[in-house]
C-alpha atoms as a PDB file:
ATOM      1  CA  MET A   1     129.030 -54.314  92.072  1.00  0.00           C
ATOM      2  CA  ARG A   2     128.313 -50.618  91.900  1.00  0.00           C
ATOM      3  CA  ALA A   3     126.483 -51.123  88.572  1.00  0.00           C
ATOM      4  CA  THR A   4     124.530 -53.968  90.084  1.00  0.00           C
ATOM      5  CA  ALA A   5     123.638 -51.910  93.176  1.00  0.00           C
ATOM      6  CA  GLY A   6     122.533 -49.053  90.929  1.00  0.00           C
ATOM      7  CA  LYS A   7     120.287 -51.381  88.948  1.00  0.00           C
ATOM      8  CA  ILE A   8     118.797 -52.771  92.164  1.00  0.00           C
ATOM      9  CA  GLY A   9     118.140 -49.222  93.408  1.00  0.00           C
ATOM     10  CA  MET A  10     116.425 -48.238  90.163  1.00  0.00           C
ATOM     11  CA  LEU A  11     114.322 -51.424  90.272  1.00  0.00           C
ATOM     12  CA  ALA A  12     113.230 -50.601  93.830  1.00  0.00           C
ATOM     13  CA  VAL A  13     112.149 -47.090  92.779  1.00  0.00           C
ATOM     14  CA  ALA A  14     110.230 -48.540  89.815  1.00  0.00           C
ATOM     15  CA  LEU A  15     108.400 -50.991  92.115  1.00  0.00           C
ATOM     16  CA  VAL A  16     107.442 -48.147  94.446  1.00  0.00           C
ATOM     17  CA  LEU A  17     106.067 -46.140  91.506  1.00  0.00           C
ATOM     18  CA  LEU A  18     104.129 -49.124  90.175  1.00  0.00           C
ATOM     19  CA  SER A  19     102.641 -49.767  93.638  1.00  0.00           C
ATOM     20  CA  ALA A  20     101.571 -46.118  93.915  1.00  0.00           C
ATOM     21  CA  ALA A  21      99.972 -46.204  90.442  1.00  0.00           C
ATOM     22  CA  ALA A  22      98.082 -49.408  91.292  1.00  0.00           C
ATOM     23  CA  LEU A  23      96.811 -47.912  94.538  1.00  0.00           C
ATOM     24  CA  MET A  24      95.761 -44.775  92.677  1.00  0.00           C
ATOM     25  CA  LEU A  25      93.774 -46.841  90.131  1.00  0.00           C
ATOM     26  CA  MET A  26      91.978 -48.748  92.897  1.00  0.00           C
ATOM     27  CA  LEU A  27      91.010 -45.511  94.595  1.00  0.00           C
ATOM     28  CA  MET A  28      89.689 -44.094  91.328  1.00  0.00           C
ATOM     29  CA  LEU A  29      87.528 -47.165  90.716  1.00  0.00           C
ATOM     30  CA  SER A  30      86.248 -47.197  94.287  1.00  0.00           C
ATOM     31  CA  GLY A  31      85.032 -43.591  93.923  1.00  0.00           C
ATOM     32  CA  CYS A  32      82.827 -44.300  90.841  1.00  0.00           C
ATOM     33  CA  GLY A  33      79.120 -44.052  91.416  1.00  0.00           C
ATOM     34  CA  SER A  34      79.246 -42.089  94.666  1.00  0.00           C
ATOM     35  CA  THR A  35      81.497 -39.055  94.866  1.00  0.00           C
ATOM     36  CA  SER A  36      84.258 -37.644  92.690  1.00  0.00           C
ATOM     37  CA  VAL A  37      87.708 -39.167  92.709  1.00  0.00           C
ATOM     38  CA  ALA A  38      89.046 -36.119  94.550  1.00  0.00           C
ATOM     39  CA  GLY A  39      86.476 -36.701  97.277  1.00  0.00           C
ATOM     40  CA  SER A  40      87.521 -40.338  97.637  1.00  0.00           C
ATOM     41  CA  LEU A  41      91.144 -39.470  97.933  1.00  0.00           C
ATOM     42  CA  ALA A  42      90.434 -36.801 100.497  1.00  0.00           C
ATOM     43  CA  GLY A  43      89.284 -39.463 102.924  1.00  0.00           C
ATOM     44  CA  ALA A  44      92.488 -41.532 102.497  1.00  0.00           C
ATOM     45  CA  PRO A  45      95.499 -39.217 102.025  1.00  0.00           C
ATOM     46  CA  MET A  46      98.709 -40.756 100.845  1.00  0.00           C
ATOM     47  CA  GLN A  47     102.332 -39.549 100.532  1.00  0.00           C
ATOM     48  CA  LEU A  48     103.988 -40.098  97.182  1.00  0.00           C
ATOM     49  CA  PRO A  49     107.696 -40.902  97.071  1.00  0.00           C
ATOM     50  CA  ALA A  50     109.937 -37.994  96.224  1.00  0.00           C
ATOM     51  CA  THR A  51     110.851 -39.270  92.792  1.00  0.00           C
ATOM     52  CA  GLY A  52     109.603 -36.376  90.686  1.00  0.00           C
ATOM     53  CA  ALA A  53     106.317 -38.135  89.881  1.00  0.00           C
ATOM     54  CA  SER A  54     103.372 -35.799  89.188  1.00  0.00           C
ATOM     55  CA  ALA A  55     100.542 -35.402  91.696  1.00  0.00           C
ATOM     56  CA  LEU A  56      97.299 -37.292  91.447  1.00  0.00           C
ATOM     57  CA  PRO A  57      94.603 -35.899  89.111  1.00  0.00           C
ATOM     58  CA  GLU A  58      92.562 -33.128  90.727  1.00  0.00           C
ATOM     59  CA  SER A  59      89.239 -34.825  90.124  1.00  0.00           C
ATOM     60  CA  SER A  60      87.334 -36.948  87.690  1.00  0.00           C
ATOM     61  CA  ALA A  61      83.692 -36.113  87.040  1.00  0.00           C
ATOM     62  CA  LEU A  62      81.168 -38.926  87.171  1.00  0.00           C
ATOM     63  CA  PRO A  63      80.146 -40.228  83.763  1.00  0.00           C
ATOM     64  CA  GLU A  64      77.045 -38.692  82.255  1.00  0.00           C
ATOM     65  CA  PRO A  65      73.936 -40.920  82.434  1.00  0.00           C
ATOM     66  CA  SER A  66      73.247 -42.882  79.296  1.00  0.00           C
ATOM     67  CA  ALA A  67      69.666 -41.663  79.113  1.00  0.00           C
ATOM     68  CA  ALA A  68      67.886 -38.611  80.465  1.00  0.00           C
ATOM     69  CA  ALA A  69      65.508 -39.127  83.357  1.00  0.00           C
ATOM     70  CA  PRO A  70      61.891 -39.420  82.196  1.00  0.00           C
ATOM     71  CA  ILE A  71      60.069 -36.107  82.230  1.00  0.00           C
ATOM     72  CA  PRO A  72      56.726 -36.327  84.061  1.00  0.00           C
ATOM     73  CA  PRO A  73      53.750 -35.301  81.936  1.00  0.00           C
ATOM     74  CA  ALA A  74      52.470 -31.781  82.338  1.00  0.00           C
ATOM     75  CA  PRO A  75      49.548 -31.555  84.769  1.00  0.00           C
ATOM     76  CA  THR A  76      46.217 -31.515  83.057  1.00  0.00           C
ATOM     77  CA  ALA A  77      43.974 -28.527  83.450  1.00  0.00           C
ATOM     78  CA  THR A  78      41.703 -28.715  86.444  1.00  0.00           C
ATOM     79  CA  PRO A  79      38.251 -29.658  85.164  1.00  0.00           C
ATOM     80  CA  LEU A  80      35.426 -27.238  85.807  1.00  0.00           C
ATOM     81  CA  PRO A  81      33.216 -28.321  88.738  1.00  0.00           C
ATOM     82  CA  PRO A  82      29.627 -29.419  88.111  1.00  0.00           C
ATOM     83  CA  ALA A  83      26.924 -26.780  88.239  1.00  0.00           C
ATOM     84  CA  VAL A  84      25.350 -28.668  91.140  1.00  0.00           C
ATOM     85  CA  PRO A  85      27.525 -29.758  94.083  1.00  0.00           C
ATOM     86  CA  LEU A  86      26.926 -32.643  96.442  1.00  0.00           C
ATOM     87  CA  VAL A  87      23.317 -33.756  96.674  1.00  0.00           C
ATOM     88  CA  THR A  88      23.231 -33.699 100.464  1.00  0.00           C
ATOM     89  CA  GLY A  89      20.590 -35.731 102.240  1.00  0.00           C
ATOM     90  CA  VAL A  90      18.999 -37.118  99.080  1.00  0.00           C
ATOM     91  CA  SER A  91      18.679 -40.860  98.571  1.00  0.00           C
ATOM     92  CA  ALA A  92      19.676 -42.281  95.194  1.00  0.00           C
ATOM     93  CA  ASP A  93      17.325 -45.258  95.534  1.00  0.00           C
ATOM     94  CA  ILE A  94      15.202 -45.325  92.397  1.00  0.00           C
ATOM     95  CA  ARG A  95      12.811 -47.757  94.086  1.00  0.00           C
ATOM     96  CA  SER A  96      11.586 -44.995  96.387  1.00  0.00           C
ATOM     97  CA  VAL A  97      10.124 -43.119  93.415  1.00  0.00           C
ATOM     98  CA  GLN A  98       6.600 -44.076  92.409  1.00  0.00           C
ATOM     99  CA  GLY A  99       6.209 -45.671  89.011  1.00  0.00           C
ATOM    100  CA  VAL A 100       4.058 -42.804  87.773  1.00  0.00           C
ATOM    101  CA  ALA A 101       7.022 -40.482  88.387  1.00  0.00           C
ATOM    102  CA  LEU A 102       9.348 -42.322  86.021  1.00  0.00           C
ATOM    103  CA  VAL A 103       8.151 -40.644  82.812  1.00  0.00           C
ATOM    104  CA  ALA A 104      11.262 -38.645  81.991  1.00  0.00           C
ATOM    105  CA  PRO A 105      11.354 -35.126  80.600  1.00  0.00           C
ATOM    106  CA  VAL A 106      13.220 -35.130  77.285  1.00  0.00           C
ATOM    107  CA  ARG A 107      13.147 -31.472  76.280  1.00  0.00           C
ATOM    108  CA  ILE A 108      12.770 -28.030  77.844  1.00  0.00           C
ATOM    109  CA  ARG A 109      11.597 -24.927  76.038  1.00  0.00           C
ATOM    110  CA  ILE A 110      11.503 -21.372  77.395  1.00  0.00           C
ATOM    111  CA  GLU A 111      10.414 -19.351  74.408  1.00  0.00           C
ATOM    112  CA  ALA A 112      10.833 -15.941  76.040  1.00  0.00           C
ATOM    113  CA  LEU A 113      14.544 -16.671  76.659  1.00  0.00           C
ATOM    114  CA  GLY A 114      15.252 -18.481  73.396  1.00  0.00           C
ATOM    115  CA  ILE A 115      15.925 -21.747  75.255  1.00  0.00           C
ATOM    116  CA  ASP A 116      15.174 -25.061  73.533  1.00  0.00           C
ATOM    117  CA  MET A 117      17.303 -27.926  74.869  1.00  0.00           C
ATOM    118  CA  GLY A 118      17.314 -31.680  74.992  1.00  0.00           C
ATOM    119  CA  ILE A 119      17.348 -33.320  78.433  1.00  0.00           C
ATOM    120  CA  GLU A 120      19.260 -36.404  79.589  1.00  0.00           C
ATOM    121  CA  ALA A 121      18.343 -38.462  82.656  1.00  0.00           C
ATOM    122  CA  VAL A 122      21.296 -38.545  85.075  1.00  0.00           C
ATOM    123  CA  GLY A 123      22.252 -39.708  88.549  1.00  0.00           C
ATOM    124  CA  LEU A 124      25.310 -38.886  90.619  1.00  0.00           C
ATOM    125  CA  GLY A 125      28.644 -38.109  88.981  1.00  0.00           C
ATOM    126  CA  ASP A 126      32.099 -39.324  89.976  1.00  0.00           C
ATOM    127  CA  THR A 127      32.552 -36.449  92.426  1.00  0.00           C
ATOM    128  CA  GLY A 128      29.319 -37.193  94.280  1.00  0.00           C
ATOM    129  CA  GLY A 129      27.458 -34.297  92.692  1.00  0.00           C
ATOM    130  CA  MET A 130      24.676 -34.421  90.145  1.00  0.00           C
ATOM    131  CA  GLY A 131      26.107 -35.676  86.879  1.00  0.00           C
ATOM    132  CA  LEU A 132      25.854 -33.212  84.011  1.00  0.00           C
ATOM    133  CA  PRO A 133      26.533 -33.491  80.282  1.00  0.00           C
ATOM    134  CA  LYS A 134      29.762 -31.703  79.339  1.00  0.00           C
ATOM    135  CA  ASN A 135      27.945 -29.817  76.594  1.00  0.00           C
ATOM    136  CA  PRO A 136      26.060 -26.878  78.168  1.00  0.00           C
ATOM    137  CA  ALA A 137      23.556 -27.065  75.311  1.00  0.00           C
ATOM    138  CA  ILE A 138      22.190 -30.277  76.881  1.00  0.00           C
ATOM    139  CA  ALA A 139      20.314 -30.195  80.187  1.00  0.00           C
ATOM    140  CA  ALA A 140      20.071 -32.970  82.780  1.00  0.00           C
ATOM    141  CA  TRP A 141      17.180 -34.269  84.878  1.00  0.00           C
ATOM    142  CA  TYR A 142      18.014 -35.829  88.259  1.00  0.00           C
ATOM    143  CA  GLN A 143      16.257 -39.151  87.708  1.00  0.00           C
ATOM    144  CA  PHE A 144      16.392 -40.259  91.358  1.00  0.00           C
ATOM    145  CA  GLY A 145      14.130 -37.394  92.379  1.00  0.00           C
ATOM    146  CA  PRO A 146      10.598 -36.402  91.398  1.00  0.00           C
ATOM    147  CA  ALA A 147       9.603 -36.305  87.733  1.00  0.00           C
ATOM    148  CA  PRO A 148       7.105 -33.919  86.123  1.00  0.00           C
ATOM    149  CA  ALA A 149       4.238 -36.360  86.730  1.00  0.00           C
ATOM    150  CA  SER A 150       5.000 -36.666  90.457  1.00  0.00           C
ATOM    151  CA  SER A 151       2.352 -35.340  92.811  1.00  0.00           C
ATOM    152  CA  SER A 152       4.918 -33.736  95.131  1.00  0.00           C
ATOM    153  CA  GLY A 153       8.500 -32.563  95.301  1.00  0.00           C
ATOM    154  CA  ALA A 154      10.884 -30.666  93.037  1.00  0.00           C
ATOM    155  CA  THR A 155      11.731 -31.866  89.541  1.00  0.00           C
ATOM    156  CA  VAL A 156      15.348 -30.734  89.195  1.00  0.00           C
ATOM    157  CA  ILE A 157      16.823 -29.884  85.801  1.00  0.00           C
ATOM    158  CA  ALA A 158      20.344 -28.446  85.582  1.00  0.00           C
ATOM    159  CA  ALA A 159      23.011 -27.599  83.016  1.00  0.00           C
ATOM    160  CA  HIS A 160      26.438 -25.995  82.820  1.00  0.00           C
ATOM    161  CA  VAL A 161      26.317 -22.282  82.170  1.00  0.00           C
ATOM    162  CA  ASP A 162      29.275 -22.459  79.794  1.00  0.00           C
ATOM    163  CA  SER A 163      32.314 -24.506  78.822  1.00  0.00           C
ATOM    164  CA  LEU A 164      35.835 -23.904  77.517  1.00  0.00           C
ATOM    165  CA  GLU A 165      35.109 -26.494  74.841  1.00  0.00           C
ATOM    166  CA  TYR A 166      31.500 -25.701  73.919  1.00  0.00           C
ATOM    167  CA  ASP A 167      31.177 -21.975  74.759  1.00  0.00           C
ATOM    168  CA  ILE A 168      28.169 -20.366  76.498  1.00  0.00           C
ATOM    169  CA  GLY A 169      25.070 -22.490  77.090  1.00  0.00           C
ATOM    170  CA  PRO A 170      21.366 -21.566  76.909  1.00  0.00           C
ATOM    171  CA  PHE A 171      20.936 -21.724  80.703  1.00  0.00           C
ATOM    172  CA  SER A 172      23.148 -18.621  80.937  1.00  0.00           C
ATOM    173  CA  ARG A 173      19.919 -16.687  80.216  1.00  0.00           C
ATOM    174  CA  LEU A 174      18.069 -18.030  83.252  1.00  0.00           C
ATOM    175  CA  ALA A 175      19.333 -15.210  85.484  1.00  0.00           C
ATOM    176  CA  THR A 176      17.327 -12.701  83.414  1.00  0.00           C
ATOM    177  CA  ALA A 177      14.028 -14.614  83.538  1.00  0.00           C
ATOM    178  CA  PRO A 178      11.272 -12.412  84.939  1.00  0.00           C
ATOM    179  CA  ALA A 179       8.534 -13.810  87.145  1.00  0.00           C
ATOM    180  CA  GLY A 180       5.713 -15.214  85.052  1.00  0.00           C
ATOM    181  CA  THR A 181       7.981 -16.627  82.301  1.00  0.00           C
ATOM    182  CA  ASP A 182       6.432 -19.765  80.768  1.00  0.00           C
ATOM    183  CA  ILE A 183       8.352 -23.059  80.687  1.00  0.00           C
ATOM    184  CA  VAL A 184       7.343 -26.211  78.819  1.00  0.00           C
ATOM    185  CA  LEU A 185       8.707 -29.704  79.512  1.00  0.00           C
ATOM    186  CA  PHE A 186       8.191 -32.349  76.845  1.00  0.00           C
ATOM    187  CA  LEU A 187       7.963 -35.888  78.230  1.00  0.00           C
ATOM    188  CA  ALA A 188       9.113 -39.270  76.949  1.00  0.00           C
ATOM    189  CA  ASP A 189       5.522 -40.482  76.593  1.00  0.00           C
ATOM    190  CA  GLY A 190       4.590 -37.576  74.320  1.00  0.00           C
ATOM    191  CA  GLY A 191       2.966 -35.508  77.056  1.00  0.00           C
ATOM    192  CA  GLU A 192       3.778 -31.989  78.200  1.00  0.00           C
ATOM    193  CA  ARG A 193       4.017 -30.171  81.508  1.00  0.00           C
ATOM    194  CA  ARG A 194       3.789 -26.391  81.729  1.00  0.00           C
ATOM    195  CA  TYR A 195       5.226 -24.207  84.452  1.00  0.00           C
ATOM    196  CA  ARG A 196       5.497 -20.521  85.255  1.00  0.00           C
ATOM    197  CA  VAL A 197       8.537 -18.904  86.848  1.00  0.00           C
ATOM    198  CA  GLU A 198       7.872 -17.818  90.415  1.00  0.00           C
ATOM    199  CA  SER A 199      11.335 -16.671  91.497  1.00  0.00           C
ATOM    200  CA  VAL A 200      14.965 -16.432  90.376  1.00  0.00           C
ATOM    201  CA  ALA A 201      17.725 -16.430  92.991  1.00  0.00           C
ATOM    202  CA  LEU A 202      21.475 -15.879  92.698  1.00  0.00           C
ATOM    203  CA  THR A 203      23.039 -17.527  95.756  1.00  0.00           C
ATOM    204  CA  LEU A 204      26.665 -18.042  96.763  1.00  0.00           C
ATOM    205  CA  LYS A 205      27.488 -21.736  96.478  1.00  0.00           C
ATOM    206  CA  PRO A 206      28.196 -22.283 100.218  1.00  0.00           C
ATOM    207  CA  ASP A 207      24.778 -20.792 101.036  1.00  0.00           C
ATOM    208  CA  VAL A 208      22.634 -22.807  98.621  1.00  0.00           C
ATOM    209  CA  PRO A 209      20.148 -24.983 100.573  1.00  0.00           C
ATOM    210  CA  TRP A 210      20.691 -28.116  98.490  1.00  0.00           C
ATOM    211  CA  PRO A 211      18.387 -30.401 100.506  1.00  0.00           C
ATOM    212  CA  ALA A 212      15.579 -27.938  99.778  1.00  0.00           C
ATOM    213  CA  VAL A 213      16.521 -27.753  96.096  1.00  0.00           C
ATOM    214  CA  PHE A 214      16.249 -31.552  95.786  1.00  0.00           C
ATOM    215  CA  ASP A 215      13.249 -31.797  98.126  1.00  0.00           C
ATOM    216  CA  ARG A 216      10.833 -34.661  97.496  1.00  0.00           C
ATOM    217  CA  THR A 217       8.110 -33.203  99.677  1.00  0.00           C
ATOM    218  CA  GLY A 218       5.781 -30.241  99.382  1.00  0.00           C
ATOM    219  CA  PRO A 219       3.925 -29.127  96.262  1.00  0.00           C
ATOM    220  CA  ALA A 220       5.003 -30.382  92.841  1.00  0.00           C
ATOM    221  CA  ARG A 221       7.286 -27.831  91.209  1.00  0.00           C
ATOM    222  CA  LEU A 222      10.149 -27.369  88.775  1.00  0.00           C
ATOM    223  CA  THR A 223      13.628 -26.223  89.818  1.00  0.00           C
ATOM    224  CA  LEU A 224      16.232 -25.142  87.255  1.00  0.00           C
ATOM    225  CA  VAL A 225      19.867 -24.814  88.310  1.00  0.00           C
ATOM    226  CA  THR A 226      23.031 -23.476  86.702  1.00  0.00           C
ATOM    227  CA  CYS A 227      26.123 -21.484  87.701  1.00  0.00           C
ATOM    228  CA  GLY A 228      26.358 -17.725  87.730  1.00  0.00           C
ATOM    229  CA  GLY A 229      27.681 -14.633  89.435  1.00  0.00           C
ATOM    230  CA  GLU A 230      31.376 -13.798  89.560  1.00  0.00           C
ATOM    231  CA  PHE A 231      34.000 -16.176  88.164  1.00  0.00           C
ATOM    232  CA  ASP A 232      36.986 -17.161  90.306  1.00  0.00           C
ATOM    233  CA  TYR A 233      39.875 -17.394  87.826  1.00  0.00           C
ATOM    234  CA  THR A 234      42.137 -19.052  90.392  1.00  0.00           C
ATOM    235  CA  ALA A 235      39.703 -21.840  91.297  1.00  0.00           C
ATOM    236  CA  ARG A 236      38.241 -21.786  87.774  1.00  0.00           C
ATOM    237  CA  ARG A 237      34.649 -21.822  88.897  1.00  0.00           C
ATOM    238  CA  TYR A 238      31.665 -19.568  89.388  1.00  0.00           C
ATOM    239  CA  LEU A 239      31.024 -18.401  92.918  1.00  0.00           C
ATOM    240  CA  SER A 240      27.233 -18.639  92.826  1.00  0.00           C
ATOM    241  CA  ASN A 241      24.321 -20.669  91.522  1.00  0.00           C
ATOM    242  CA  VAL A 242      21.264 -19.422  89.687  1.00  0.00           C
ATOM    243  CA  ILE A 243      18.177 -21.209  90.973  1.00  0.00           C
ATOM    244  CA  VAL A 244      14.837 -20.804  89.226  1.00  0.00           C
ATOM    245  CA  SER A 245      11.641 -21.967  90.936  1.00  0.00           C
ATOM    246  CA  ALA A 246       8.564 -22.534  88.770  1.00  0.00           C
ATOM    247  CA  MET A 247       5.086 -23.814  89.605  1.00  0.00           C
ATOM    248  CA  PRO A 248       2.830 -25.964  87.414  1.00  0.00           C
ATOM    249  CA  VAL A 249       0.253 -24.219  85.244  1.00  0.00           C
ATOM    250  CA  PRO A 250      -3.180 -25.892  85.611  1.00  0.00           C
END
């Protein structure tokens, strides 16, 4: 009987140990995916039987992810702003321009400054400003405004002063143009229009009177625009615009 009672006692202890191990395994599984095993056990303390069994594991780190999280692409460099900002107060309706005004300028030459550039007809860019070719060696004519053959208003031709990709452009020399400098526009129909520089202004961008620059009224004239002045390395743009006004030569 004593042997039998001893066996029964040992069996009872074994059952207690097995129950504790099973409970421990359930707690470990329940802690997966949220906190560590130690954290799960902290919320549900339990007393082990005094049978000499070792304590529960201190903690079990969560498994490492099978794949690293996708790394977002590096931000692209902020593109340089156009030489001409928003064309405020100017309609982009080509139908308001007389047919005689639609003969486009295709080339500009300023011999005294070593400028000889092709010209593209442009409208508004994606940012709402006058669209410009990326290459500063190519100028742009705002085709929704007056053309060289128009009897009134400003024919506006602009270009970037420089570019990280293409280097310095010919219009970088406009700031040094003295009054009286001759300008020749070559037209798509084979004709020419000649102008003479009347003034050169370097104006901070917020102070440029853009409606006047793109004016469709008043005497026929030529306006050349590019960037200039100091360069803001933080904003990556020039702080001013160079604006050249030229009048037709009879």
